[in-house]
Amino acid sequence: MRNNVLSGALLGIGIAAFIDETVFHQLLHWHHFYDKSTPAAGLVSDGIFHAVSFFATVASLFLLASLRREGAFRARPWWGGLLTAAGAFQLYDGTVQHKLMRLHQIRYEVDLTAYDWTWNIIAGLLIVAGVVLLTRSRTAVAA
């Protein structure tokens, strides 16, 4: 079960980072991963962020292929890991990176209240859904 959770978690991080990078950094131009320097430094930080999320995704898919080949893939803990990690990534981004470290904000020159609440509520919902699946998969194994 452990590798199912790890594979799902790596993909959850990869997907959450990919959506953040693609939508908020590239398409909407709301921020960069690191906004405390020049635009060029922001682009470099986005590239590093994108590379890390890509490697997490690739590692997840290799692990998933191995699980399937061995007949050890279990959907519930895999999805639980994916949802929990995606939510944890988003919550970390919204609280630590946005508020504590102030690496960047979701947007600039607007009231952030609605953005912050939406960002963190979605993160919480993902975490709750993932933990429910993980808990159910553990009780199913124990039974």
N, C-alpha and C. Protein backbone atom coordinates (compact mmCIF):
# COMPACT_ATOMS: atom_id res chain seq x y z
N MET A 1 0.83 -1.20 0.00
CA MET A 1 0.00 0.00 0.00
C MET A 1 0.87 1.25 0.00
N ARG A 2 2.02 1.18 0.63
CA ARG A 2 2.88 2.35 0.77
C ARG A 2 3.27 2.96 -0.58
N ASN A 3 3.67 2.14 -1.55
CA ASN A 3 4.07 2.65 -2.86
C ASN A 3 2.88 3.20 -3.65
N ASN A 4 1.68 2.67 -3.39
CA ASN A 4 0.48 3.23 -4.01
C ASN A 4 0.28 4.67 -3.53
N VAL A 5 0.42 4.88 -2.24
CA VAL A 5 0.25 6.23 -1.67
C VAL A 5 1.34 7.15 -2.20
N LEU A 6 2.59 6.66 -2.24
CA LEU A 6 3.70 7.48 -2.72
C LEU A 6 3.51 7.87 -4.19
N SER A 7 3.12 6.92 -5.01
CA SER A 7 2.89 7.21 -6.43
C SER A 7 1.78 8.25 -6.59
N GLY A 8 0.68 8.05 -5.89
CA GLY A 8 -0.41 9.02 -5.95
C GLY A 8 0.01 10.38 -5.43
N ALA A 9 0.78 10.41 -4.34
CA ALA A 9 1.21 11.67 -3.74
C ALA A 9 2.12 12.44 -4.70
N LEU A 10 3.05 11.74 -5.32
CA LEU A 10 3.94 12.42 -6.27
C LEU A 10 3.15 13.00 -7.44
N LEU A 11 2.17 12.24 -7.92
CA LEU A 11 1.36 12.77 -9.02
C LEU A 11 0.48 13.93 -8.54
N GLY A 12 -0.04 13.85 -7.32
CA GLY A 12 -0.83 14.94 -6.77
C GLY A 12 -0.03 16.23 -6.69
N ILE A 13 1.21 16.13 -6.24
CA ILE A 13 2.08 17.31 -6.19
C ILE A 13 2.35 17.80 -7.61
N GLY A 14 2.65 16.87 -8.50
CA GLY A 14 2.93 17.25 -9.89
C GLY A 14 1.75 17.94 -10.55
N ILE A 15 0.56 17.42 -10.35
CA ILE A 15 -0.63 18.02 -10.96
C ILE A 15 -0.93 19.39 -10.36
N ALA A 16 -0.89 19.49 -9.03
CA ALA A 16 -1.17 20.78 -8.38
C ALA A 16 -0.15 21.83 -8.82
N ALA A 17 1.11 21.45 -8.88
CA ALA A 17 2.15 22.39 -9.32
C ALA A 17 1.97 22.75 -10.79
N PHE A 18 1.62 21.76 -11.61
CA PHE A 18 1.41 22.02 -13.04
C PHE A 18 0.26 23.00 -13.25
N ILE A 19 -0.84 22.81 -12.56
CA ILE A 19 -1.98 23.71 -12.69
C ILE A 19 -1.60 25.12 -12.23
N ASP A 20 -0.93 25.21 -11.08
CA ASP A 20 -0.49 26.50 -10.56
C ASP A 20 0.43 27.19 -11.57
N GLU A 21 1.43 26.47 -12.02
CA GLU A 21 2.42 27.02 -12.97
C GLU A 21 1.76 27.44 -14.28
N THR A 22 0.95 26.55 -14.84
CA THR A 22 0.37 26.82 -16.15
C THR A 22 -0.68 27.93 -16.10
N VAL A 23 -1.61 27.83 -15.17
CA VAL A 23 -2.71 28.78 -15.12
C VAL A 23 -2.27 30.14 -14.56
N PHE A 24 -1.72 30.13 -13.35
CA PHE A 24 -1.46 31.40 -12.66
C PHE A 24 -0.16 32.07 -13.09
N HIS A 25 0.85 31.27 -13.44
CA HIS A 25 2.14 31.86 -13.82
C HIS A 25 2.17 32.20 -15.31
N GLN A 26 1.78 31.25 -16.15
CA GLN A 26 1.96 31.42 -17.59
C GLN A 26 0.75 32.04 -18.30
N LEU A 27 -0.43 31.52 -18.06
CA LEU A 27 -1.60 32.02 -18.80
C LEU A 27 -2.13 33.35 -18.27
N LEU A 28 -2.28 33.45 -16.96
CA LEU A 28 -2.84 34.67 -16.38
C LEU A 28 -1.77 35.72 -16.03
N HIS A 29 -0.52 35.30 -15.92
CA HIS A 29 0.58 36.20 -15.56
C HIS A 29 0.34 36.89 -14.22
N TRP A 30 -0.25 36.17 -13.26
CA TRP A 30 -0.55 36.77 -11.98
C TRP A 30 0.68 36.86 -11.09
N HIS A 31 1.56 35.88 -11.18
CA HIS A 31 2.77 35.90 -10.35
C HIS A 31 3.79 34.90 -10.90
N HIS A 32 4.98 34.96 -10.32
CA HIS A 32 6.03 33.97 -10.57
C HIS A 32 6.24 33.21 -9.26
N PHE A 33 7.00 32.14 -9.33
CA PHE A 33 7.30 31.41 -8.10
C PHE A 33 8.03 32.32 -7.10
N TYR A 34 8.94 33.12 -7.62
CA TYR A 34 9.68 34.06 -6.76
C TYR A 34 9.53 35.45 -7.36
N ASP A 35 8.81 36.32 -6.64
CA ASP A 35 8.52 37.66 -7.14
C ASP A 35 9.30 38.77 -6.43
N LYS A 36 10.33 38.44 -5.70
CA LYS A 36 11.07 39.45 -4.94
C LYS A 36 12.31 39.94 -5.68
N SER A 37 12.36 39.75 -6.97
CA SER A 37 13.52 40.16 -7.75
C SER A 37 13.05 40.66 -9.11
N THR A 38 13.87 40.47 -10.12
CA THR A 38 13.55 40.92 -11.47
C THR A 38 12.61 39.95 -12.17
N PRO A 39 11.94 40.39 -13.23
CA PRO A 39 11.11 39.46 -14.01
C PRO A 39 11.92 38.27 -14.54
N ALA A 40 13.18 38.50 -14.90
CA ALA A 40 14.02 37.40 -15.38
C ALA A 40 14.23 36.35 -14.28
N ALA A 41 14.47 36.80 -13.07
CA ALA A 41 14.63 35.87 -11.94
C ALA A 41 13.32 35.12 -11.69
N GLY A 42 12.21 35.81 -11.86
CA GLY A 42 10.90 35.16 -11.72
C GLY A 42 10.72 34.06 -12.74
N LEU A 43 11.13 34.30 -13.97
CA LEU A 43 11.02 33.28 -15.01
C LEU A 43 11.92 32.08 -14.73
N VAL A 44 13.12 32.34 -14.26
CA VAL A 44 14.02 31.24 -13.90
C VAL A 44 13.42 30.42 -12.76
N SER A 45 12.87 31.10 -11.76
CA SER A 45 12.25 30.38 -10.64
C SER A 45 11.06 29.55 -11.12
N ASP A 46 10.30 30.07 -12.08
CA ASP A 46 9.19 29.30 -12.65
C ASP A 46 9.71 28.06 -13.37
N GLY A 47 10.83 28.21 -14.09
CA GLY A 47 11.40 27.06 -14.80
C GLY A 47 11.85 25.97 -13.85
N ILE A 48 12.49 26.36 -12.76
CA ILE A 48 12.92 25.37 -11.76
C ILE A 48 11.71 24.70 -11.12
N PHE A 49 10.71 25.50 -10.78
CA PHE A 49 9.46 24.98 -10.20
C PHE A 49 8.81 23.98 -11.15
N HIS A 50 8.75 24.34 -12.43
CA HIS A 50 8.14 23.46 -13.43
C HIS A 50 8.94 22.17 -13.57
N ALA A 51 10.26 22.25 -13.57
CA ALA A 51 11.10 21.06 -13.70
C ALA A 51 10.89 20.12 -12.52
N VAL A 52 10.83 20.65 -11.31
CA VAL A 52 10.62 19.81 -10.13
C VAL A 52 9.26 19.12 -10.21
N SER A 53 8.23 19.85 -10.61
CA SER A 53 6.90 19.22 -10.71
C SER A 53 6.87 18.17 -11.81
N PHE A 54 7.61 18.42 -12.89
CA PHE A 54 7.68 17.44 -13.97
C PHE A 54 8.37 16.16 -13.50
N PHE A 55 9.47 16.30 -12.77
CA PHE A 55 10.18 15.12 -12.27
C PHE A 55 9.34 14.35 -11.27
N ALA A 56 8.56 15.04 -10.44
CA ALA A 56 7.66 14.35 -9.51
C ALA A 56 6.61 13.55 -10.29
N THR A 57 6.10 14.13 -11.36
CA THR A 57 5.11 13.44 -12.20
C THR A 57 5.71 12.22 -12.86
N VAL A 58 6.89 12.35 -13.44
CA VAL A 58 7.55 11.22 -14.10
C VAL A 58 7.85 10.11 -13.09
N ALA A 59 8.38 10.47 -11.92
CA ALA A 59 8.67 9.47 -10.89
C ALA A 59 7.39 8.74 -10.49
N SER A 60 6.30 9.50 -10.35
CA SER A 60 5.02 8.89 -10.01
C SER A 60 4.58 7.87 -11.05
N LEU A 61 4.72 8.22 -12.31
CA LEU A 61 4.27 7.32 -13.38
C LEU A 61 5.14 6.07 -13.50
N PHE A 62 6.44 6.20 -13.26
CA PHE A 62 7.30 5.01 -13.22
C PHE A 62 6.90 4.09 -12.08
N LEU A 63 6.64 4.67 -10.92
CA LEU A 63 6.22 3.88 -9.77
C LEU A 63 4.86 3.23 -10.03
N LEU A 64 3.95 3.97 -10.66
CA LEU A 64 2.64 3.43 -11.01
C LEU A 64 2.78 2.26 -11.98
N ALA A 65 3.63 2.40 -12.98
CA ALA A 65 3.84 1.31 -13.94
C ALA A 65 4.39 0.07 -13.23
N SER A 66 5.29 0.27 -12.29
CA SER A 66 5.85 -0.85 -11.53
C SER A 66 4.76 -1.53 -10.70
N LEU A 67 3.94 -0.75 -10.06
CA LEU A 67 2.83 -1.30 -9.25
C LEU A 67 1.89 -2.13 -10.12
N ARG A 68 1.56 -1.61 -11.28
CA ARG A 68 0.63 -2.32 -12.18
C ARG A 68 1.27 -3.60 -12.72
N ARG A 69 2.54 -3.52 -13.06
CA ARG A 69 3.26 -4.69 -13.57
C ARG A 69 3.30 -5.80 -12.52
N GLU A 70 3.48 -5.43 -11.25
CA GLU A 70 3.56 -6.40 -10.15
C GLU A 70 2.18 -6.83 -9.66
N GLY A 71 1.13 -6.23 -10.19
CA GLY A 71 -0.22 -6.53 -9.71
C GLY A 71 -0.50 -5.99 -8.32
N ALA A 72 0.24 -4.96 -7.92
CA ALA A 72 0.12 -4.41 -6.56
C ALA A 72 -0.61 -3.07 -6.53
N PHE A 73 -1.12 -2.61 -7.68
CA PHE A 73 -1.81 -1.33 -7.70
C PHE A 73 -3.14 -1.42 -6.96
N ARG A 74 -3.38 -0.46 -6.07
CA ARG A 74 -4.64 -0.34 -5.34
C ARG A 74 -5.15 1.08 -5.52
N ALA A 75 -6.32 1.20 -6.12
CA ALA A 75 -6.83 2.52 -6.51
C ALA A 75 -7.13 3.43 -5.32
N ARG A 76 -7.74 2.91 -4.28
CA ARG A 76 -8.17 3.79 -3.18
C ARG A 76 -6.99 4.47 -2.48
N PRO A 77 -5.95 3.75 -2.08
CA PRO A 77 -4.82 4.47 -1.45
C PRO A 77 -4.08 5.37 -2.45
N TRP A 78 -4.06 4.98 -3.72
CA TRP A 78 -3.41 5.81 -4.74
C TRP A 78 -4.14 7.14 -4.86
N TRP A 79 -5.47 7.11 -5.01
CA TRP A 79 -6.25 8.34 -5.10
C TRP A 79 -6.18 9.12 -3.79
N GLY A 80 -6.17 8.41 -2.67
CA GLY A 80 -6.03 9.09 -1.37
C GLY A 80 -4.73 9.86 -1.27
N GLY A 81 -3.64 9.23 -1.72
CA GLY A 81 -2.35 9.91 -1.74
C GLY A 81 -2.34 11.10 -2.68
N LEU A 82 -2.94 10.94 -3.85
CA LEU A 82 -3.00 12.01 -4.84
C LEU A 82 -3.75 13.22 -4.29
N LEU A 83 -4.95 13.00 -3.77
CA LEU A 83 -5.76 14.11 -3.28
C LEU A 83 -5.15 14.78 -2.05
N THR A 84 -4.63 13.97 -1.13
CA THR A 84 -4.02 14.53 0.07
C THR A 84 -2.81 15.38 -0.28
N ALA A 85 -1.94 14.87 -1.15
CA ALA A 85 -0.74 15.60 -1.51
C ALA A 85 -1.06 16.85 -2.32
N ALA A 86 -2.03 16.77 -3.22
CA ALA A 86 -2.41 17.96 -4.00
C ALA A 86 -2.94 19.04 -3.05
N GLY A 87 -3.79 18.64 -2.11
CA GLY A 87 -4.31 19.60 -1.14
C GLY A 87 -3.23 20.15 -0.23
N ALA A 88 -2.32 19.28 0.22
CA ALA A 88 -1.23 19.73 1.09
C ALA A 88 -0.31 20.70 0.35
N PHE A 89 -0.03 20.40 -0.92
CA PHE A 89 0.78 21.31 -1.71
C PHE A 89 0.10 22.68 -1.81
N GLN A 90 -1.18 22.68 -2.10
CA GLN A 90 -1.91 23.93 -2.25
C GLN A 90 -1.99 24.70 -0.93
N LEU A 91 -2.22 23.97 0.17
CA LEU A 91 -2.28 24.63 1.48
C LEU A 91 -0.92 25.21 1.86
N TYR A 92 0.15 24.45 1.60
CA TYR A 92 1.50 24.94 1.84
C TYR A 92 1.77 26.19 1.00
N ASP A 93 1.42 26.13 -0.26
CA ASP A 93 1.63 27.28 -1.15
C ASP A 93 0.86 28.49 -0.65
N GLY A 94 -0.41 28.28 -0.30
CA GLY A 94 -1.27 29.39 0.11
C GLY A 94 -0.94 29.98 1.46
N THR A 95 -0.37 29.19 2.36
CA THR A 95 -0.07 29.71 3.70
C THR A 95 1.41 30.04 3.87
N VAL A 96 2.28 29.08 3.59
CA VAL A 96 3.71 29.30 3.82
C VAL A 96 4.32 30.22 2.77
N GLN A 97 4.15 29.87 1.50
CA GLN A 97 4.78 30.67 0.44
C GLN A 97 4.12 32.03 0.25
N HIS A 98 2.79 32.07 0.32
CA HIS A 98 2.09 33.35 0.10
C HIS A 98 2.15 34.25 1.33
N LYS A 99 1.89 33.71 2.50
CA LYS A 99 1.72 34.55 3.69
C LYS A 99 2.95 34.64 4.57
N LEU A 100 3.58 33.51 4.87
CA LEU A 100 4.72 33.54 5.79
C LEU A 100 6.01 33.99 5.11
N MET A 101 6.34 33.36 3.99
CA MET A 101 7.59 33.69 3.29
C MET A 101 7.42 34.86 2.32
N ARG A 102 6.19 35.11 1.91
CA ARG A 102 5.86 36.17 0.95
C ARG A 102 6.70 36.08 -0.33
N LEU A 103 6.88 34.83 -0.83
CA LEU A 103 7.59 34.65 -2.09
C LEU A 103 6.81 35.23 -3.25
N HIS A 104 5.49 35.10 -3.15
CA HIS A 104 4.58 35.67 -4.14
C HIS A 104 3.19 35.67 -3.55
N GLN A 105 2.28 36.39 -4.18
CA GLN A 105 0.87 36.36 -3.81
C GLN A 105 0.10 35.75 -4.98
N ILE A 106 -1.14 35.40 -4.76
CA ILE A 106 -1.94 34.88 -5.86
C ILE A 106 -2.05 35.94 -6.95
N ARG A 107 -2.40 37.14 -6.52
CA ARG A 107 -2.49 38.30 -7.42
C ARG A 107 -1.93 39.50 -6.69
N TYR A 108 -1.76 40.56 -7.45
CA TYR A 108 -1.28 41.81 -6.87
C TYR A 108 -2.26 42.92 -7.17
N GLU A 109 -2.27 43.90 -6.30
CA GLU A 109 -3.08 45.11 -6.46
C GLU A 109 -4.59 44.84 -6.47
N VAL A 110 -5.01 43.79 -5.77
CA VAL A 110 -6.42 43.49 -5.56
C VAL A 110 -6.59 43.03 -4.12
N ASP A 111 -7.83 43.03 -3.65
CA ASP A 111 -8.12 42.48 -2.33
C ASP A 111 -7.98 40.96 -2.42
N LEU A 112 -7.10 40.40 -1.62
CA LEU A 112 -6.79 38.97 -1.69
C LEU A 112 -7.73 38.08 -0.88
N THR A 113 -8.62 38.65 -0.12
CA THR A 113 -9.44 37.85 0.79
C THR A 113 -10.17 36.71 0.09
N ALA A 114 -10.89 37.00 -0.97
CA ALA A 114 -11.63 35.95 -1.67
C ALA A 114 -10.69 34.91 -2.28
N TYR A 115 -9.57 35.36 -2.82
CA TYR A 115 -8.60 34.43 -3.41
C TYR A 115 -8.01 33.51 -2.34
N ASP A 116 -7.61 34.09 -1.20
CA ASP A 116 -7.02 33.31 -0.13
C ASP A 116 -8.01 32.28 0.42
N TRP A 117 -9.23 32.71 0.68
CA TRP A 117 -10.23 31.78 1.19
C TRP A 117 -10.51 30.65 0.20
N THR A 118 -10.70 31.00 -1.07
CA THR A 118 -10.97 30.00 -2.10
C THR A 118 -9.81 29.02 -2.21
N TRP A 119 -8.59 29.54 -2.29
CA TRP A 119 -7.38 28.73 -2.42
C TRP A 119 -7.28 27.72 -1.29
N ASN A 120 -7.46 28.20 -0.06
CA ASN A 120 -7.26 27.35 1.10
C ASN A 120 -8.45 26.42 1.38
N ILE A 121 -9.65 26.85 1.04
CA ILE A 121 -10.81 25.95 1.19
C ILE A 121 -10.70 24.78 0.22
N ILE A 122 -10.32 25.06 -1.01
CA ILE A 122 -10.13 23.97 -1.98
C ILE A 122 -9.04 23.02 -1.48
N ALA A 123 -7.96 23.58 -0.94
CA ALA A 123 -6.89 22.75 -0.39
C ALA A 123 -7.43 21.86 0.73
N GLY A 124 -8.19 22.44 1.62
CA GLY A 124 -8.77 21.67 2.73
C GLY A 124 -9.69 20.57 2.26
N LEU A 125 -10.52 20.86 1.26
CA LEU A 125 -11.43 19.84 0.72
C LEU A 125 -10.66 18.68 0.08
N LEU A 126 -9.59 19.00 -0.64
CA LEU A 126 -8.76 17.95 -1.23
C LEU A 126 -8.13 17.08 -0.14
N ILE A 127 -7.62 17.72 0.90
CA ILE A 127 -7.00 16.97 2.00
C ILE A 127 -8.02 16.07 2.68
N VAL A 128 -9.19 16.60 2.98
CA VAL A 128 -10.23 15.79 3.65
C VAL A 128 -10.62 14.60 2.78
N ALA A 129 -10.86 14.83 1.49
CA ALA A 129 -11.22 13.72 0.60
C ALA A 129 -10.11 12.68 0.55
N GLY A 130 -8.87 13.13 0.47
CA GLY A 130 -7.75 12.20 0.43
C GLY A 130 -7.60 11.41 1.71
N VAL A 131 -7.74 12.06 2.85
CA VAL A 131 -7.62 11.37 4.14
C VAL A 131 -8.75 10.36 4.32
N VAL A 132 -9.94 10.70 3.87
CA VAL A 132 -11.05 9.74 3.94
C VAL A 132 -10.71 8.49 3.13
N LEU A 133 -10.21 8.67 1.92
CA LEU A 133 -9.83 7.51 1.10
C LEU A 133 -8.70 6.72 1.74
N LEU A 134 -7.71 7.39 2.29
CA LEU A 134 -6.61 6.69 2.94
C LEU A 134 -7.09 5.91 4.17
N THR A 135 -7.97 6.53 4.94
CA THR A 135 -8.51 5.85 6.13
C THR A 135 -9.33 4.63 5.73
N ARG A 136 -10.15 4.78 4.72
CA ARG A 136 -10.95 3.64 4.26
C ARG A 136 -10.08 2.53 3.69
N SER A 137 -8.99 2.89 3.03
CA SER A 137 -8.12 1.85 2.49
C SER A 137 -7.38 1.11 3.61
N ARG A 138 -7.05 1.80 4.68
CA ARG A 138 -6.39 1.15 5.82
C ARG A 138 -7.35 0.23 6.56
N THR A 139 -8.60 0.67 6.73
CA THR A 139 -9.56 -0.19 7.43
C THR A 139 -9.92 -1.40 6.56
N ALA A 140 -9.91 -1.24 5.23
CA ALA A 140 -10.18 -2.37 4.35
C ALA A 140 -9.06 -3.40 4.43
N VAL A 141 -7.82 -2.94 4.56
CA VAL A 141 -6.68 -3.85 4.68
C VAL A 141 -6.71 -4.58 6.01
N ALA A 142 -7.10 -3.86 7.09
CA ALA A 142 -7.14 -4.44 8.42
C ALA A 142 -8.25 -5.47 8.58
N ALA A 143 -9.31 -5.32 7.80
CA ALA A 143 -10.47 -6.21 7.96
C ALA A 143 -10.24 -7.58 7.36
